[in-house]
Amino acid sequence: MNILAIGDVVGSIGCNFLRSHLPAVKKMKGIDLVIANGENSADGNGLTPASVHHLFDSGVDVITSGNHSFRRRESYDLYDSCPALLRPANFPSSAPGKGFEVIDLGRIQVGVLNLIGVVYMESMESPFDAADRILSAGVPKITLVDFHAEATGEKRSLAYYLDGRVTAVFGTHTHVQTADETILPGGTGYLSDLGMTGPIQSVLGVKPELIIQKMRTKMPVRFDLADGDCRIDGAVFSIDEKTGKTISIERLQIL
């Protein structure tokens, strides 16, 4: 089977670009399931009911998130009412929603686990411990992990820790696609970061001049999203349904 994982979708411009291209990509690549990180899908970051439903209606099957999961208060109830909308599993248990879901495709079940890093980010439960907790409760043979983290060292460490125990580990958060796709010795597919879905001429989706102003002056700046031509970053994980192992990984950049 083929699972498409899509990098952080940025704002309404990213959502609209995804909607215009996703059906063709799914058909061309024979995609069985689509996972997209939507924590920046609302304009100004975070997610809203409108951006979540836009992604689902566009053909996304599972939406993961990260450090901006709860940026918008109007999204809180969504995490409890939409089973396929995930927040990192290592958030405190008092947070709305959950970090793991099983998707029933009829012939097979697929688990999706969302975790967040703790290196250079807010303190949370160890992602290693959270992964152990979820996996020990039992997961489908095919289970993928969106690890929303800053440090590549933390991402690679978790991937090796989970090697042979999950199907794939892919990173999100940095908005820059990496070129280190690999299949680890135990059969787990890995990519440090999927990249970003949004405006090309930007700094992580934001107008460059605003980021430059912030970097130079250290003063508060409103981060307005850039516009213009967009791209979709992601990767297709081809998986052996009998073993749950990754067979191949194909990075995608759709302009």
C-alpha atoms as a PDB file:
ATOM      1  CA  MET A   1       0.000   0.000   0.000  1.00  0.00           C
ATOM      2  CA  ASN A   2       1.029   3.628  -0.487  1.00  0.00           C
ATOM      3  CA  ILE A   3       0.682   6.268   2.222  1.00  0.00           C
ATOM      4  CA  LEU A   4       1.235   9.943   1.420  1.00  0.00           C
ATOM      5  CA  ALA A   5       2.527  12.156   4.247  1.00  0.00           C
ATOM      6  CA  ILE A   6       2.300  15.900   3.621  1.00  0.00           C
ATOM      7  CA  GLY A   7       4.411  18.596   5.276  1.00  0.00           C
ATOM      8  CA  ASP A   8       2.961  21.433   7.370  1.00  0.00           C
ATOM      9  CA  VAL A   9       0.083  23.049   5.456  1.00  0.00           C
ATOM     10  CA  VAL A  10       0.383  26.831   5.874  1.00  0.00           C
ATOM     11  CA  GLY A  11      -2.687  29.066   5.856  1.00  0.00           C
ATOM     12  CA  SER A  12      -5.588  29.267   3.461  1.00  0.00           C
ATOM     13  CA  ILE A  13      -3.183  29.646   0.534  1.00  0.00           C
ATOM     14  CA  GLY A  14      -1.615  26.288   1.379  1.00  0.00           C
ATOM     15  CA  CYS A  15      -5.007  24.669   1.953  1.00  0.00           C
ATOM     16  CA  ASN A  16      -6.307  25.870  -1.411  1.00  0.00           C
ATOM     17  CA  PHE A  17      -3.191  24.743  -3.252  1.00  0.00           C
ATOM     18  CA  LEU A  18      -3.430  21.323  -1.625  1.00  0.00           C
ATOM     19  CA  ARG A  19      -7.065  20.976  -2.627  1.00  0.00           C
ATOM     20  CA  SER A  20      -6.293  21.829  -6.248  1.00  0.00           C
ATOM     21  CA  HIS A  21      -3.558  19.176  -6.567  1.00  0.00           C
ATOM     22  CA  LEU A  22      -4.229  16.375  -4.085  1.00  0.00           C
ATOM     23  CA  PRO A  23      -6.808  14.407  -6.124  1.00  0.00           C
ATOM     24  CA  ALA A  24      -4.421  14.113  -9.065  1.00  0.00           C
ATOM     25  CA  VAL A  25      -1.502  13.133  -6.819  1.00  0.00           C
ATOM     26  CA  LYS A  26      -3.562  10.430  -5.135  1.00  0.00           C
ATOM     27  CA  LYS A  27      -4.564   8.988  -8.488  1.00  0.00           C
ATOM     28  CA  MET A  28      -1.088   9.219 -10.018  1.00  0.00           C
ATOM     29  CA  LYS A  29       0.685   7.604  -7.040  1.00  0.00           C
ATOM     30  CA  GLY A  30      -2.042   5.107  -6.121  1.00  0.00           C
ATOM     31  CA  ILE A  31      -2.424   6.540  -2.617  1.00  0.00           C
ATOM     32  CA  ASP A  32      -4.422   4.567  -0.040  1.00  0.00           C
ATOM     33  CA  LEU A  33      -4.163   7.020   2.877  1.00  0.00           C
ATOM     34  CA  VAL A  34      -3.188  10.687   3.276  1.00  0.00           C
ATOM     35  CA  ILE A  35      -1.693  12.161   6.443  1.00  0.00           C
ATOM     36  CA  ALA A  36      -1.114  15.928   6.625  1.00  0.00           C
ATOM     37  CA  ASN A  37       0.201  18.162   9.370  1.00  0.00           C
ATOM     38  CA  GLY A  38      -2.370  20.935   9.776  1.00  0.00           C
ATOM     39  CA  GLU A  39      -1.189  22.873  12.818  1.00  0.00           C
ATOM     40  CA  ASN A  40      -0.575  25.978  10.664  1.00  0.00           C
ATOM     41  CA  SER A  41      -3.559  25.558   8.355  1.00  0.00           C
ATOM     42  CA  ALA A  42      -5.362  28.637   9.693  1.00  0.00           C
ATOM     43  CA  ASP A  43      -4.106  32.053   8.609  1.00  0.00           C
ATOM     44  CA  GLY A  44      -1.791  33.256  11.358  1.00  0.00           C
ATOM     45  CA  ASN A  45      -1.035  29.661  12.548  1.00  0.00           C
ATOM     46  CA  GLY A  46      -3.016  27.175  14.564  1.00  0.00           C
ATOM     47  CA  LEU A  47      -6.071  25.506  13.106  1.00  0.00           C
ATOM     48  CA  THR A  48      -9.767  26.304  13.021  1.00  0.00           C
ATOM     49  CA  PRO A  49     -12.929  24.327  12.267  1.00  0.00           C
ATOM     50  CA  ALA A  50     -12.882  25.826   8.773  1.00  0.00           C
ATOM     51  CA  SER A  51      -9.273  24.830   8.023  1.00  0.00           C
ATOM     52  CA  VAL A  52      -9.726  21.341   9.466  1.00  0.00           C
ATOM     53  CA  HIS A  53     -12.845  20.619   7.445  1.00  0.00           C
ATOM     54  CA  HIS A  54     -11.192  22.103   4.354  1.00  0.00           C
ATOM     55  CA  LEU A  55      -8.350  19.591   4.656  1.00  0.00           C
ATOM     56  CA  PHE A  56     -10.660  16.644   5.253  1.00  0.00           C
ATOM     57  CA  ASP A  57     -12.891  17.690   2.347  1.00  0.00           C
ATOM     58  CA  SER A  58      -9.799  17.995   0.129  1.00  0.00           C
ATOM     59  CA  GLY A  59      -8.931  14.318   0.600  1.00  0.00           C
ATOM     60  CA  VAL A  60      -6.795  14.252   3.741  1.00  0.00           C
ATOM     61  CA  ASP A  61      -7.607  11.243   5.937  1.00  0.00           C
ATOM     62  CA  VAL A  62      -5.648  12.109   9.099  1.00  0.00           C
ATOM     63  CA  ILE A  63      -4.566  15.544  10.358  1.00  0.00           C
ATOM     64  CA  THR A  64      -1.649  15.750  12.764  1.00  0.00           C
ATOM     65  CA  SER A  65      -0.467  18.820  14.636  1.00  0.00           C
ATOM     66  CA  GLY A  66       2.279  20.085  16.957  1.00  0.00           C
ATOM     67  CA  ASN A  67       3.280  23.053  19.089  1.00  0.00           C
ATOM     68  CA  HIS A  68       0.499  25.211  17.598  1.00  0.00           C
ATOM     69  CA  SER A  69      -2.187  22.584  18.238  1.00  0.00           C
ATOM     70  CA  PHE A  70      -4.091  24.767  20.701  1.00  0.00           C
ATOM     71  CA  ARG A  71      -3.245  28.215  19.352  1.00  0.00           C
ATOM     72  CA  ARG A  72      -6.915  28.768  18.453  1.00  0.00           C
ATOM     73  CA  ARG A  73      -9.450  28.236  21.223  1.00  0.00           C
ATOM     74  CA  GLU A  74     -12.194  27.503  18.691  1.00  0.00           C
ATOM     75  CA  SER A  75     -10.335  24.325  17.751  1.00  0.00           C
ATOM     76  CA  TYR A  76     -10.443  22.728  21.204  1.00  0.00           C
ATOM     77  CA  ASP A  77     -13.729  20.873  20.752  1.00  0.00           C
ATOM     78  CA  LEU A  78     -12.582  19.557  17.374  1.00  0.00           C
ATOM     79  CA  TYR A  79      -9.936  17.362  18.982  1.00  0.00           C
ATOM     80  CA  ASP A  80     -12.641  15.480  20.848  1.00  0.00           C
ATOM     81  CA  SER A  81     -15.223  15.383  18.039  1.00  0.00           C
ATOM     82  CA  CYS A  82     -12.920  14.487  15.104  1.00  0.00           C
ATOM     83  CA  PRO A  83     -11.156  11.146  15.745  1.00  0.00           C
ATOM     84  CA  ALA A  84      -8.797  11.672  12.806  1.00  0.00           C
ATOM     85  CA  LEU A  85      -7.578  15.047  14.130  1.00  0.00           C
ATOM     86  CA  LEU A  86      -4.594  14.389  16.382  1.00  0.00           C
ATOM     87  CA  ARG A  87      -2.510  16.401  18.820  1.00  0.00           C
ATOM     88  CA  PRO A  88       0.835  15.102  20.100  1.00  0.00           C
ATOM     89  CA  ALA A  89       0.358  12.135  22.426  1.00  0.00           C
ATOM     90  CA  ASN A  90       2.931  13.502  24.867  1.00  0.00           C
ATOM     91  CA  PHE A  91       0.872  16.618  25.641  1.00  0.00           C
ATOM     92  CA  PRO A  92      -0.555  16.481  29.182  1.00  0.00           C
ATOM     93  CA  SER A  93      -3.530  14.131  29.479  1.00  0.00           C
ATOM     94  CA  SER A  94      -5.688  17.113  30.446  1.00  0.00           C
ATOM     95  CA  ALA A  95      -5.337  18.545  26.927  1.00  0.00           C
ATOM     96  CA  PRO A  96      -8.245  17.997  24.528  1.00  0.00           C
ATOM     97  CA  GLY A  97      -8.091  15.111  22.099  1.00  0.00           C
ATOM     98  CA  LYS A  98      -5.616  12.291  21.700  1.00  0.00           C
ATOM     99  CA  GLY A  99      -2.387  11.492  19.927  1.00  0.00           C
ATOM    100  CA  PHE A 100      -3.097   8.120  18.359  1.00  0.00           C
ATOM    101  CA  GLU A 101      -5.826   6.837  16.053  1.00  0.00           C
ATOM    102  CA  VAL A 102      -6.486   3.663  14.101  1.00  0.00           C
ATOM    103  CA  ILE A 103      -7.890   4.156  10.605  1.00  0.00           C
ATOM    104  CA  ASP A 104      -9.941   1.260   9.271  1.00  0.00           C
ATOM    105  CA  LEU A 105      -9.456   0.899   5.515  1.00  0.00           C
ATOM    106  CA  GLY A 106     -11.581  -2.235   5.304  1.00  0.00           C
ATOM    107  CA  ARG A 107      -8.947  -4.711   4.228  1.00  0.00           C
ATOM    108  CA  ILE A 108      -6.415  -3.396   6.717  1.00  0.00           C
ATOM    109  CA  GLN A 109      -6.010  -1.038   9.668  1.00  0.00           C
ATOM    110  CA  VAL A 110      -3.428   1.739   9.894  1.00  0.00           C
ATOM    111  CA  GLY A 111      -2.275   3.406  13.099  1.00  0.00           C
ATOM    112  CA  VAL A 112      -1.134   7.041  13.162  1.00  0.00           C
ATOM    113  CA  LEU A 113       0.818   8.360  16.150  1.00  0.00           C
ATOM    114  CA  ASN A 114       1.561  12.067  16.664  1.00  0.00           C
ATOM    115  CA  LEU A 115       4.452  13.080  18.948  1.00  0.00           C
ATOM    116  CA  ILE A 116       6.244  16.344  19.714  1.00  0.00           C
ATOM    117  CA  GLY A 117       9.911  16.878  20.470  1.00  0.00           C
ATOM    118  CA  VAL A 118      11.350  18.381  23.652  1.00  0.00           C
ATOM    119  CA  VAL A 119      14.738  19.607  22.374  1.00  0.00           C
ATOM    120  CA  TYR A 120      14.599  23.411  21.815  1.00  0.00           C
ATOM    121  CA  MET A 121      10.848  23.207  22.405  1.00  0.00           C
ATOM    122  CA  GLU A 122       8.452  23.332  25.344  1.00  0.00           C
ATOM    123  CA  SER A 123       8.877  20.718  28.036  1.00  0.00           C
ATOM    124  CA  MET A 124       6.581  17.718  27.561  1.00  0.00           C
ATOM    125  CA  GLU A 125       6.554  14.034  28.432  1.00  0.00           C
ATOM    126  CA  SER A 126       9.490  12.285  26.802  1.00  0.00           C
ATOM    127  CA  PRO A 127       8.477  11.266  23.274  1.00  0.00           C
ATOM    128  CA  PHE A 128      10.349   8.015  23.842  1.00  0.00           C
ATOM    129  CA  ASP A 129       8.234   7.217  26.895  1.00  0.00           C
ATOM    130  CA  ALA A 130       5.028   8.329  25.172  1.00  0.00           C
ATOM    131  CA  ALA A 131       5.782   6.082  22.211  1.00  0.00           C
ATOM    132  CA  ASP A 132       6.421   3.139  24.529  1.00  0.00           C
ATOM    133  CA  ARG A 133       3.151   3.809  26.324  1.00  0.00           C
ATOM    134  CA  ILE A 134       1.125   3.839  23.104  1.00  0.00           C
ATOM    135  CA  LEU A 135       2.879   0.867  21.500  1.00  0.00           C
ATOM    136  CA  SER A 136       2.626  -1.292  24.607  1.00  0.00           C
ATOM    137  CA  ALA A 137      -1.159  -0.948  24.490  1.00  0.00           C
ATOM    138  CA  GLY A 138      -1.172  -2.580  21.044  1.00  0.00           C
ATOM    139  CA  VAL A 139      -1.110  -0.984  17.601  1.00  0.00           C
ATOM    140  CA  PRO A 140      -1.765  -2.214  14.047  1.00  0.00           C
ATOM    141  CA  LYS A 141       1.027  -3.857  12.106  1.00  0.00           C
ATOM    142  CA  ILE A 142       1.145  -0.733   9.937  1.00  0.00           C
ATOM    143  CA  THR A 143       1.709   2.292  12.179  1.00  0.00           C
ATOM    144  CA  LEU A 144       3.273   5.618  11.192  1.00  0.00           C
ATOM    145  CA  VAL A 145       4.634   8.379  13.409  1.00  0.00           C
ATOM    146  CA  ASP A 146       4.559  12.139  12.773  1.00  0.00           C
ATOM    147  CA  PHE A 147       7.310  13.483  15.039  1.00  0.00           C
ATOM    148  CA  HIS A 148       6.885  17.259  15.254  1.00  0.00           C
ATOM    149  CA  ALA A 149      10.335  18.301  16.423  1.00  0.00           C
ATOM    150  CA  GLU A 150      13.096  20.858  15.955  1.00  0.00           C
ATOM    151  CA  ALA A 151      16.322  18.894  16.287  1.00  0.00           C
ATOM    152  CA  THR A 152      17.305  16.356  13.646  1.00  0.00           C
ATOM    153  CA  GLY A 153      19.298  14.494  16.272  1.00  0.00           C
ATOM    154  CA  GLU A 154      16.182  13.974  18.361  1.00  0.00           C
ATOM    155  CA  LYS A 155      14.232  12.894  15.286  1.00  0.00           C
ATOM    156  CA  ARG A 156      16.821  10.360  14.167  1.00  0.00           C
ATOM    157  CA  SER A 157      17.252   9.047  17.697  1.00  0.00           C
ATOM    158  CA  LEU A 158      13.539   8.356  18.055  1.00  0.00           C
ATOM    159  CA  ALA A 159      13.463   6.696  14.632  1.00  0.00           C
ATOM    160  CA  TYR A 160      16.248   4.284  15.610  1.00  0.00           C
ATOM    161  CA  TYR A 161      14.547   3.696  18.949  1.00  0.00           C
ATOM    162  CA  LEU A 162      11.339   2.710  17.147  1.00  0.00           C
ATOM    163  CA  ASP A 163      13.049   0.841  14.306  1.00  0.00           C
ATOM    164  CA  GLY A 164      11.256  -2.428  13.675  1.00  0.00           C
ATOM    165  CA  ARG A 165       8.398  -1.422  15.975  1.00  0.00           C
ATOM    166  CA  VAL A 166       6.634   1.002  13.615  1.00  0.00           C
ATOM    167  CA  THR A 167       6.334   1.262   9.853  1.00  0.00           C
ATOM    168  CA  ALA A 168       7.688   4.783   9.415  1.00  0.00           C
ATOM    169  CA  VAL A 169       8.794   7.889  11.301  1.00  0.00           C
ATOM    170  CA  PHE A 170       8.668  11.231   9.514  1.00  0.00           C
ATOM    171  CA  GLY A 171       9.417  14.669  10.913  1.00  0.00           C
ATOM    172  CA  THR A 172       7.468  17.886  10.658  1.00  0.00           C
ATOM    173  CA  HIS A 173       7.853  21.419  12.097  1.00  0.00           C
ATOM    174  CA  THR A 174      10.913  22.892  10.343  1.00  0.00           C
ATOM    175  CA  HIS A 175       9.044  23.482   7.032  1.00  0.00           C
ATOM    176  CA  VAL A 176      12.203  22.508   5.126  1.00  0.00           C
ATOM    177  CA  GLN A 177      12.236  19.153   3.358  1.00  0.00           C
ATOM    178  CA  THR A 178      15.302  17.049   4.112  1.00  0.00           C
ATOM    179  CA  ALA A 179      17.031  14.662   1.704  1.00  0.00           C
ATOM    180  CA  ASP A 180      17.823  11.868   4.151  1.00  0.00           C
ATOM    181  CA  GLU A 181      15.077   9.371   3.378  1.00  0.00           C
ATOM    182  CA  THR A 182      16.183   5.900   4.393  1.00  0.00           C
ATOM    183  CA  ILE A 183      14.940   2.515   5.496  1.00  0.00           C
ATOM    184  CA  LEU A 184      16.465   1.612   8.842  1.00  0.00           C
ATOM    185  CA  PRO A 185      17.829  -1.886   9.551  1.00  0.00           C
ATOM    186  CA  GLY A 186      14.581  -3.069  11.165  1.00  0.00           C
ATOM    187  CA  GLY A 187      12.457  -1.980   8.209  1.00  0.00           C
ATOM    188  CA  THR A 188      11.212   1.380   9.511  1.00  0.00           C
ATOM    189  CA  GLY A 189      11.111   4.142   6.898  1.00  0.00           C
ATOM    190  CA  TYR A 190      12.507   7.511   7.946  1.00  0.00           C
ATOM    191  CA  LEU A 191      12.656  11.138   6.759  1.00  0.00           C
ATOM    192  CA  SER A 192      13.792  13.958   9.069  1.00  0.00           C
ATOM    193  CA  ASP A 193      11.278  16.486   7.731  1.00  0.00           C
ATOM    194  CA  LEU A 194       8.554  16.375   5.105  1.00  0.00           C
ATOM    195  CA  GLY A 195       8.759  20.103   4.374  1.00  0.00           C
ATOM    196  CA  MET A 196       5.934  22.586   3.870  1.00  0.00           C
ATOM    197  CA  THR A 197       2.801  23.111   1.812  1.00  0.00           C
ATOM    198  CA  GLY A 198       2.476  26.810   1.069  1.00  0.00           C
ATOM    199  CA  PRO A 199       4.076  29.843  -0.625  1.00  0.00           C
ATOM    200  CA  ILE A 200       7.501  29.264  -2.162  1.00  0.00           C
ATOM    201  CA  GLN A 201       8.838  32.831  -1.837  1.00  0.00           C
ATOM    202  CA  SER A 202       8.590  32.936   1.935  1.00  0.00           C
ATOM    203  CA  VAL A 203      10.373  32.135   5.172  1.00  0.00           C
ATOM    204  CA  LEU A 204       8.439  29.149   6.509  1.00  0.00           C
ATOM    205  CA  GLY A 205       5.330  30.569   4.841  1.00  0.00           C
ATOM    206  CA  VAL A 206       5.722  34.123   6.167  1.00  0.00           C
ATOM    207  CA  LYS A 207       6.633  37.214   4.135  1.00  0.00           C
ATOM    208  CA  PRO A 208      10.463  37.347   4.147  1.00  0.00           C
ATOM    209  CA  GLU A 209      10.663  41.048   4.956  1.00  0.00           C
ATOM    210  CA  LEU A 210       8.758  40.497   8.197  1.00  0.00           C
ATOM    211  CA  ILE A 211      11.082  37.728   9.337  1.00  0.00           C
ATOM    212  CA  ILE A 212      14.101  39.876   8.418  1.00  0.00           C
ATOM    213  CA  GLN A 213      12.656  42.740  10.470  1.00  0.00           C
ATOM    214  CA  LYS A 214      12.180  40.439  13.439  1.00  0.00           C
ATOM    215  CA  MET A 215      15.684  39.000  13.140  1.00  0.00           C
ATOM    216  CA  ARG A 216      17.324  42.421  12.834  1.00  0.00           C
ATOM    217  CA  THR A 217      15.371  44.410  15.430  1.00  0.00           C
ATOM    218  CA  LYS A 218      14.232  41.728  17.918  1.00  0.00           C
ATOM    219  CA  MET A 219      10.985  43.705  18.164  1.00  0.00           C
ATOM    220  CA  PRO A 220       7.467  42.190  17.970  1.00  0.00           C
ATOM    221  CA  VAL A 221       6.310  41.708  14.381  1.00  0.00           C
ATOM    222  CA  ARG A 222       2.998  40.459  13.034  1.00  0.00           C
ATOM    223  CA  PHE A 223       3.786  37.465  10.838  1.00  0.00           C
ATOM    224  CA  ASP A 224       1.571  37.842   7.768  1.00  0.00           C
ATOM    225  CA  LEU A 225       1.617  34.945   5.334  1.00  0.00           C
ATOM    226  CA  ALA A 226       3.265  35.334   1.963  1.00  0.00           C
ATOM    227  CA  ASP A 227       1.374  34.836  -1.289  1.00  0.00           C
ATOM    228  CA  GLY A 228       2.273  33.865  -4.838  1.00  0.00           C
ATOM    229  CA  ASP A 229       3.224  30.469  -6.231  1.00  0.00           C
ATOM    230  CA  CYS A 230       2.998  27.508  -3.875  1.00  0.00           C
ATOM    231  CA  ARG A 231       4.332  23.988  -3.533  1.00  0.00           C
ATOM    232  CA  ILE A 232       3.407  20.765  -1.766  1.00  0.00           C
ATOM    233  CA  ASP A 233       6.189  18.939   0.066  1.00  0.00           C
ATOM    234  CA  GLY A 234       5.718  15.372   1.217  1.00  0.00           C
ATOM    235  CA  ALA A 235       6.702  11.757   0.800  1.00  0.00           C
ATOM    236  CA  VAL A 236       5.102   8.507  -0.330  1.00  0.00           C
ATOM    237  CA  PHE A 237       5.822   5.499   1.855  1.00  0.00           C
ATOM    238  CA  SER A 238       5.286   2.210   0.013  1.00  0.00           C
ATOM    239  CA  ILE A 239       4.549  -0.497   2.558  1.00  0.00           C
ATOM    240  CA  ASP A 240       4.420  -4.287   2.598  1.00  0.00           C
ATOM    241  CA  GLU A 241       0.982  -5.051   4.037  1.00  0.00           C
ATOM    242  CA  LYS A 242       2.055  -8.499   5.235  1.00  0.00           C
ATOM    243  CA  THR A 243       5.048  -7.356   7.282  1.00  0.00           C
ATOM    244  CA  GLY A 244       4.188  -3.719   7.992  1.00  0.00           C
ATOM    245  CA  LYS A 245       7.666  -2.710   6.830  1.00  0.00           C
ATOM    246  CA  THR A 246       8.517   0.159   4.495  1.00  0.00           C
ATOM    247  CA  ILE A 247       9.583  -0.971   1.031  1.00  0.00           C
ATOM    248  CA  SER A 248      10.491   2.399  -0.442  1.00  0.00           C
ATOM    249  CA  ILE A 249      10.245   6.153   0.165  1.00  0.00           C
ATOM    250  CA  GLU A 250       9.692   8.743  -2.547  1.00  0.00           C
ATOM    251  CA  ARG A 251      10.061  12.407  -1.665  1.00  0.00           C
ATOM    252  CA  LEU A 252       7.616  14.684  -3.469  1.00  0.00           C
ATOM    253  CA  GLN A 253       7.704  18.392  -4.290  1.00  0.00           C
ATOM    254  CA  ILE A 254       4.712  19.467  -6.339  1.00  0.00           C
ATOM    255  CA  LEU A 255       4.749  22.948  -7.867  1.00  0.00           C
END
